[in-house]
Amino acid sequence: MAKKSATPTITKKKFDAIEPELREALRKWWEEEAQNFDAAVSETASVWDGMPEIDSKAVVKASPIIREFVGGDLDPKLIRKGGYSSFDDLVKDLLPKLREACPSVASAHPAAVESKMESINARKS
């Protein structure tokens, strides 16, 4: 079985072109995820005051959407620890990181792209 890659296979230019569609797909996911959580905790809502609307572990569930648009799974290292307080908070943090992980030009060498991803992750640490 082939290992799933967390490295985008599209270029930055292609990312810029698909970003509005990716944003809309993530918005639909966000709304459903938030609605499911709200329904699950409706009787204890006050306990969750001050917590992020979507936690970082839940954001990993968006990986299939990310993969559909960028050709690689969502690298959990790109997700902000603790999660996001709103959809706008998510896209302002995550989309630039995804774009940065994309190669500038199409590469026939996946190892070079993986190296770029490792470099981004190292800078975050």
N, C-alpha and C. Protein backbone atom coordinates (compact mmCIF):
# COMPACT_ATOMS: atom_id res chain seq x y z
N MET A 1 0.84 -1.19 0.00
CA MET A 1 0.00 0.00 0.00
C MET A 1 0.88 1.24 0.00
N ALA A 2 0.60 2.18 -0.87
CA ALA A 2 1.41 3.39 -1.00
C ALA A 2 1.17 4.32 0.20
N LYS A 3 2.26 4.94 0.64
CA LYS A 3 2.17 5.90 1.73
C LYS A 3 1.49 7.17 1.23
N LYS A 4 0.54 7.68 2.02
CA LYS A 4 -0.11 8.93 1.66
C LYS A 4 0.85 10.08 1.94
N SER A 5 0.91 11.00 1.01
CA SER A 5 1.82 12.13 1.14
C SER A 5 1.09 13.34 1.72
N ALA A 6 1.77 14.03 2.62
CA ALA A 6 1.23 15.28 3.15
C ALA A 6 1.75 16.46 2.35
N THR A 7 2.45 16.18 1.27
CA THR A 7 3.03 17.24 0.45
C THR A 7 2.12 17.57 -0.71
N PRO A 8 1.74 18.83 -0.87
CA PRO A 8 0.93 19.22 -2.02
C PRO A 8 1.64 18.90 -3.33
N THR A 9 0.88 18.50 -4.32
CA THR A 9 1.47 18.20 -5.63
C THR A 9 1.19 19.31 -6.65
N ILE A 10 0.48 20.33 -6.23
CA ILE A 10 0.20 21.45 -7.14
C ILE A 10 1.16 22.60 -6.85
N THR A 11 1.37 23.44 -7.85
CA THR A 11 2.26 24.59 -7.68
C THR A 11 1.55 25.72 -6.94
N LYS A 12 2.33 26.70 -6.50
CA LYS A 12 1.74 27.87 -5.86
C LYS A 12 0.77 28.57 -6.81
N LYS A 13 1.13 28.65 -8.10
CA LYS A 13 0.26 29.29 -9.08
C LYS A 13 -1.09 28.56 -9.18
N LYS A 14 -1.04 27.24 -9.20
CA LYS A 14 -2.27 26.44 -9.24
C LYS A 14 -3.05 26.61 -7.94
N PHE A 15 -2.34 26.67 -6.81
CA PHE A 15 -3.01 26.89 -5.53
C PHE A 15 -3.78 28.20 -5.56
N ASP A 16 -3.14 29.25 -6.08
CA ASP A 16 -3.82 30.55 -6.18
C ASP A 16 -5.09 30.44 -7.00
N ALA A 17 -5.06 29.62 -8.06
CA ALA A 17 -6.22 29.47 -8.92
C ALA A 17 -7.36 28.70 -8.25
N ILE A 18 -7.02 27.70 -7.45
CA ILE A 18 -8.07 26.87 -6.84
C ILE A 18 -8.46 27.35 -5.44
N GLU A 19 -7.74 28.33 -4.90
CA GLU A 19 -7.98 28.77 -3.53
C GLU A 19 -9.43 29.16 -3.25
N PRO A 20 -10.12 29.89 -4.13
CA PRO A 20 -11.53 30.21 -3.82
C PRO A 20 -12.41 28.96 -3.70
N GLU A 21 -12.18 27.97 -4.54
CA GLU A 21 -12.96 26.73 -4.46
C GLU A 21 -12.60 25.94 -3.20
N LEU A 22 -11.32 25.90 -2.86
CA LEU A 22 -10.89 25.23 -1.65
C LEU A 22 -11.51 25.91 -0.43
N ARG A 23 -11.47 27.22 -0.42
CA ARG A 23 -12.05 27.99 0.69
C ARG A 23 -13.54 27.66 0.85
N GLU A 24 -14.26 27.58 -0.24
CA GLU A 24 -15.70 27.28 -0.18
C GLU A 24 -15.94 25.85 0.32
N ALA A 25 -15.14 24.90 -0.15
CA ALA A 25 -15.27 23.51 0.32
C ALA A 25 -14.98 23.43 1.82
N LEU A 26 -13.96 24.15 2.27
CA LEU A 26 -13.64 24.16 3.70
C LEU A 26 -14.75 24.85 4.50
N ARG A 27 -15.36 25.88 3.92
CA ARG A 27 -16.46 26.56 4.62
C ARG A 27 -17.62 25.58 4.85
N LYS A 28 -17.95 24.80 3.83
CA LYS A 28 -19.03 23.82 3.98
C LYS A 28 -18.68 22.78 5.04
N TRP A 29 -17.42 22.31 5.02
CA TRP A 29 -16.98 21.36 6.04
C TRP A 29 -17.08 21.99 7.42
N TRP A 30 -16.60 23.23 7.56
CA TRP A 30 -16.61 23.93 8.84
C TRP A 30 -18.03 24.04 9.39
N GLU A 31 -18.95 24.46 8.55
CA GLU A 31 -20.33 24.63 9.00
C GLU A 31 -20.92 23.32 9.49
N GLU A 32 -20.67 22.23 8.78
CA GLU A 32 -21.18 20.93 9.19
C GLU A 32 -20.50 20.47 10.49
N GLU A 33 -19.20 20.64 10.56
CA GLU A 33 -18.46 20.23 11.76
C GLU A 33 -18.93 21.01 12.98
N ALA A 34 -19.09 22.32 12.84
CA ALA A 34 -19.53 23.16 13.95
C ALA A 34 -20.95 22.80 14.37
N GLN A 35 -21.81 22.54 13.40
CA GLN A 35 -23.20 22.18 13.68
C GLN A 35 -23.27 20.84 14.43
N ASN A 36 -22.47 19.87 14.01
CA ASN A 36 -22.45 18.57 14.68
C ASN A 36 -22.00 18.71 16.13
N PHE A 37 -20.97 19.53 16.35
CA PHE A 37 -20.47 19.74 17.70
C PHE A 37 -21.52 20.45 18.56
N ASP A 38 -22.12 21.50 17.99
CA ASP A 38 -23.13 22.24 18.73
C ASP A 38 -24.28 21.34 19.16
N ALA A 39 -24.72 20.46 18.26
CA ALA A 39 -25.81 19.53 18.58
C ALA A 39 -25.40 18.56 19.68
N ALA A 40 -24.14 18.13 19.65
CA ALA A 40 -23.67 17.15 20.63
C ALA A 40 -23.56 17.73 22.03
N VAL A 41 -23.33 19.03 22.14
CA VAL A 41 -23.10 19.64 23.46
C VAL A 41 -24.20 20.64 23.84
N SER A 42 -25.32 20.58 23.18
CA SER A 42 -26.35 21.61 23.39
C SER A 42 -26.78 21.77 24.85
N GLU A 43 -26.78 20.68 25.61
CA GLU A 43 -27.22 20.78 27.00
C GLU A 43 -26.12 21.25 27.95
N THR A 44 -24.90 21.29 27.47
CA THR A 44 -23.78 21.72 28.32
C THR A 44 -22.99 22.85 27.66
N ALA A 45 -23.66 23.64 26.86
CA ALA A 45 -22.99 24.68 26.07
C ALA A 45 -22.14 25.63 26.90
N SER A 46 -22.57 25.98 28.10
CA SER A 46 -21.81 26.95 28.90
C SER A 46 -20.44 26.42 29.30
N VAL A 47 -20.30 25.12 29.39
CA VAL A 47 -19.01 24.52 29.73
C VAL A 47 -17.97 24.82 28.67
N TRP A 48 -18.41 25.00 27.44
CA TRP A 48 -17.51 25.15 26.30
C TRP A 48 -17.19 26.62 25.98
N ASP A 49 -17.73 27.55 26.76
CA ASP A 49 -17.44 28.97 26.53
C ASP A 49 -15.94 29.21 26.62
N GLY A 50 -15.41 29.98 25.70
CA GLY A 50 -13.99 30.32 25.67
C GLY A 50 -13.12 29.29 24.98
N MET A 51 -13.70 28.18 24.56
CA MET A 51 -12.95 27.14 23.86
C MET A 51 -12.99 27.44 22.36
N PRO A 52 -12.01 26.94 21.59
CA PRO A 52 -12.06 27.15 20.15
C PRO A 52 -13.31 26.49 19.56
N GLU A 53 -13.82 27.09 18.50
CA GLU A 53 -15.02 26.54 17.88
C GLU A 53 -14.75 25.16 17.28
N ILE A 54 -13.57 25.00 16.68
CA ILE A 54 -13.14 23.71 16.15
C ILE A 54 -11.74 23.44 16.67
N ASP A 55 -11.56 22.31 17.37
CA ASP A 55 -10.22 22.05 17.91
C ASP A 55 -9.30 21.47 16.83
N SER A 56 -8.02 21.45 17.15
CA SER A 56 -7.02 21.04 16.16
C SER A 56 -7.21 19.60 15.71
N LYS A 57 -7.64 18.73 16.59
CA LYS A 57 -7.86 17.33 16.20
C LYS A 57 -9.01 17.21 15.20
N ALA A 58 -10.03 18.01 15.37
CA ALA A 58 -11.17 17.98 14.44
C ALA A 58 -10.76 18.48 13.05
N VAL A 59 -9.81 19.41 12.99
CA VAL A 59 -9.38 19.97 11.70
C VAL A 59 -8.75 18.89 10.83
N VAL A 60 -8.14 17.89 11.45
CA VAL A 60 -7.54 16.79 10.69
C VAL A 60 -8.59 16.11 9.80
N LYS A 61 -9.85 16.15 10.22
CA LYS A 61 -10.93 15.54 9.44
C LYS A 61 -11.12 16.22 8.09
N ALA A 62 -10.56 17.40 7.91
CA ALA A 62 -10.66 18.11 6.63
C ALA A 62 -9.63 17.61 5.62
N SER A 63 -8.79 16.67 6.00
CA SER A 63 -7.73 16.19 5.11
C SER A 63 -8.23 15.70 3.75
N PRO A 64 -9.35 14.96 3.68
CA PRO A 64 -9.83 14.54 2.35
C PRO A 64 -10.16 15.72 1.43
N ILE A 65 -10.64 16.80 2.01
CA ILE A 65 -10.94 18.00 1.20
C ILE A 65 -9.64 18.61 0.71
N ILE A 66 -8.67 18.73 1.60
CA ILE A 66 -7.36 19.27 1.23
C ILE A 66 -6.75 18.42 0.11
N ARG A 67 -6.78 17.10 0.30
CA ARG A 67 -6.20 16.18 -0.69
C ARG A 67 -6.85 16.37 -2.06
N GLU A 68 -8.15 16.54 -2.08
CA GLU A 68 -8.87 16.72 -3.35
C GLU A 68 -8.36 17.94 -4.12
N PHE A 69 -8.00 18.99 -3.41
CA PHE A 69 -7.59 20.23 -4.07
C PHE A 69 -6.09 20.34 -4.29
N VAL A 70 -5.27 19.86 -3.34
CA VAL A 70 -3.83 20.08 -3.46
C VAL A 70 -3.04 18.82 -3.77
N GLY A 71 -3.71 17.68 -3.77
CA GLY A 71 -3.05 16.44 -4.16
C GLY A 71 -2.28 15.75 -3.05
N GLY A 72 -2.34 16.26 -1.85
CA GLY A 72 -1.68 15.63 -0.71
C GLY A 72 -2.54 15.83 0.53
N ASP A 73 -2.34 14.95 1.51
CA ASP A 73 -3.10 15.06 2.75
C ASP A 73 -2.68 16.30 3.53
N LEU A 74 -3.54 16.71 4.42
CA LEU A 74 -3.23 17.82 5.31
C LEU A 74 -2.20 17.36 6.33
N ASP A 75 -1.06 18.02 6.36
CA ASP A 75 -0.03 17.71 7.34
C ASP A 75 -0.49 18.28 8.69
N PRO A 76 -0.70 17.42 9.68
CA PRO A 76 -1.18 17.90 10.99
C PRO A 76 -0.27 18.96 11.60
N LYS A 77 1.00 18.99 11.21
CA LYS A 77 1.94 19.99 11.76
C LYS A 77 1.58 21.41 11.32
N LEU A 78 0.78 21.53 10.25
CA LEU A 78 0.38 22.85 9.79
C LEU A 78 -0.80 23.42 10.57
N ILE A 79 -1.49 22.56 11.31
CA ILE A 79 -2.67 22.97 12.07
C ILE A 79 -2.23 23.64 13.37
N ARG A 80 -2.83 24.76 13.67
CA ARG A 80 -2.50 25.47 14.90
C ARG A 80 -2.93 24.64 16.11
N LYS A 81 -2.02 24.47 17.04
CA LYS A 81 -2.34 23.74 18.26
C LYS A 81 -3.47 24.45 18.98
N GLY A 82 -4.46 23.69 19.39
CA GLY A 82 -5.60 24.26 20.11
C GLY A 82 -6.81 24.49 19.23
N GLY A 83 -6.59 24.73 17.94
CA GLY A 83 -7.72 24.88 17.03
C GLY A 83 -7.96 26.32 16.62
N TYR A 84 -9.18 26.56 16.20
CA TYR A 84 -9.54 27.85 15.59
C TYR A 84 -10.86 28.36 16.15
N SER A 85 -10.90 29.67 16.36
CA SER A 85 -12.09 30.28 16.95
C SER A 85 -13.18 30.59 15.93
N SER A 86 -12.82 30.61 14.65
CA SER A 86 -13.80 30.90 13.60
C SER A 86 -13.28 30.37 12.27
N PHE A 87 -14.16 30.36 11.29
CA PHE A 87 -13.74 29.93 9.96
C PHE A 87 -12.66 30.87 9.42
N ASP A 88 -12.86 32.17 9.59
CA ASP A 88 -11.87 33.13 9.10
C ASP A 88 -10.52 32.92 9.78
N ASP A 89 -10.53 32.58 11.05
CA ASP A 89 -9.30 32.27 11.78
C ASP A 89 -8.60 31.07 11.13
N LEU A 90 -9.37 30.04 10.79
CA LEU A 90 -8.81 28.85 10.14
C LEU A 90 -8.15 29.20 8.81
N VAL A 91 -8.86 29.89 7.92
CA VAL A 91 -8.30 30.14 6.59
C VAL A 91 -7.15 31.14 6.63
N LYS A 92 -7.18 32.10 7.55
CA LYS A 92 -6.07 33.05 7.67
C LYS A 92 -4.80 32.37 8.14
N ASP A 93 -4.94 31.31 8.93
CA ASP A 93 -3.77 30.59 9.42
C ASP A 93 -3.35 29.46 8.48
N LEU A 94 -4.30 28.64 8.06
CA LEU A 94 -3.98 27.41 7.35
C LEU A 94 -3.70 27.58 5.86
N LEU A 95 -4.47 28.39 5.17
CA LEU A 95 -4.28 28.50 3.72
C LEU A 95 -2.90 29.05 3.34
N PRO A 96 -2.37 30.05 4.02
CA PRO A 96 -1.00 30.48 3.67
C PRO A 96 0.04 29.38 3.90
N LYS A 97 -0.15 28.58 4.92
CA LYS A 97 0.78 27.48 5.18
C LYS A 97 0.69 26.42 4.08
N LEU A 98 -0.53 26.12 3.66
CA LEU A 98 -0.70 25.16 2.56
C LEU A 98 -0.05 25.70 1.29
N ARG A 99 -0.28 26.97 1.00
CA ARG A 99 0.31 27.57 -0.20
C ARG A 99 1.84 27.51 -0.14
N GLU A 100 2.40 27.83 1.01
CA GLU A 100 3.85 27.81 1.18
C GLU A 100 4.42 26.41 0.96
N ALA A 101 3.65 25.39 1.31
CA ALA A 101 4.10 24.01 1.14
C ALA A 101 4.10 23.57 -0.32
N CYS A 102 3.39 24.30 -1.18
CA CYS A 102 3.34 23.97 -2.60
C CYS A 102 4.66 24.38 -3.28
N PRO A 103 5.12 23.58 -4.21
CA PRO A 103 6.33 23.97 -4.93
C PRO A 103 6.06 25.17 -5.84
N SER A 104 7.08 25.94 -6.11
CA SER A 104 6.94 27.09 -7.02
C SER A 104 6.75 26.64 -8.46
N VAL A 105 7.41 25.55 -8.81
CA VAL A 105 7.27 24.97 -10.15
C VAL A 105 6.99 23.49 -10.00
N ALA A 106 6.37 22.92 -11.01
CA ALA A 106 6.08 21.49 -10.98
C ALA A 106 7.40 20.72 -10.89
N SER A 107 7.42 19.72 -10.05
CA SER A 107 8.64 18.95 -9.83
C SER A 107 8.41 17.49 -10.19
N ALA A 108 9.38 16.93 -10.89
CA ALA A 108 9.33 15.50 -11.20
C ALA A 108 9.94 14.71 -10.06
N HIS A 109 10.46 15.41 -9.06
CA HIS A 109 11.14 14.75 -7.96
C HIS A 109 10.38 14.97 -6.66
N PRO A 110 9.51 14.02 -6.28
CA PRO A 110 8.75 14.18 -5.04
C PRO A 110 9.62 14.41 -3.81
N ALA A 111 10.84 13.87 -3.81
CA ALA A 111 11.73 14.05 -2.66
C ALA A 111 12.06 15.53 -2.46
N ALA A 112 12.19 16.27 -3.54
CA ALA A 112 12.48 17.70 -3.43
C ALA A 112 11.31 18.44 -2.79
N VAL A 113 10.11 18.04 -3.13
CA VAL A 113 8.93 18.67 -2.55
C VAL A 113 8.82 18.30 -1.08
N GLU A 114 9.09 17.03 -0.75
CA GLU A 114 9.04 16.59 0.64
C GLU A 114 10.07 17.36 1.47
N SER A 115 11.24 17.63 0.89
CA SER A 115 12.27 18.40 1.57
C SER A 115 11.77 19.81 1.87
N LYS A 116 11.04 20.42 0.95
CA LYS A 116 10.47 21.75 1.14
C LYS A 116 9.50 21.74 2.32
N MET A 117 8.68 20.69 2.40
CA MET A 117 7.71 20.56 3.48
C MET A 117 8.44 20.44 4.82
N GLU A 118 9.50 19.67 4.87
CA GLU A 118 10.28 19.51 6.09
C GLU A 118 10.89 20.84 6.50
N SER A 119 11.34 21.62 5.52
CA SER A 119 11.92 22.93 5.80
C SER A 119 10.88 23.86 6.43
N ILE A 120 9.67 23.84 5.93
CA ILE A 120 8.59 24.68 6.47
C ILE A 120 8.30 24.28 7.91
N ASN A 121 8.22 22.97 8.14
CA ASN A 121 7.93 22.49 9.48
C ASN A 121 9.04 22.83 10.46
N ALA A 122 10.30 22.79 10.00
CA ALA A 122 11.43 23.12 10.85
C ALA A 122 11.39 24.59 11.27
N ARG A 123 10.98 25.48 10.35
CA ARG A 123 10.90 26.90 10.67
C ARG A 123 9.83 27.17 11.71
N LYS A 124 8.77 26.37 11.72
CA LYS A 124 7.69 26.57 12.68
C LYS A 124 8.10 26.19 14.09
N SER A 125 9.05 25.28 14.20
CA SER A 125 9.46 24.76 15.52
C SER A 125 10.27 25.76 16.30
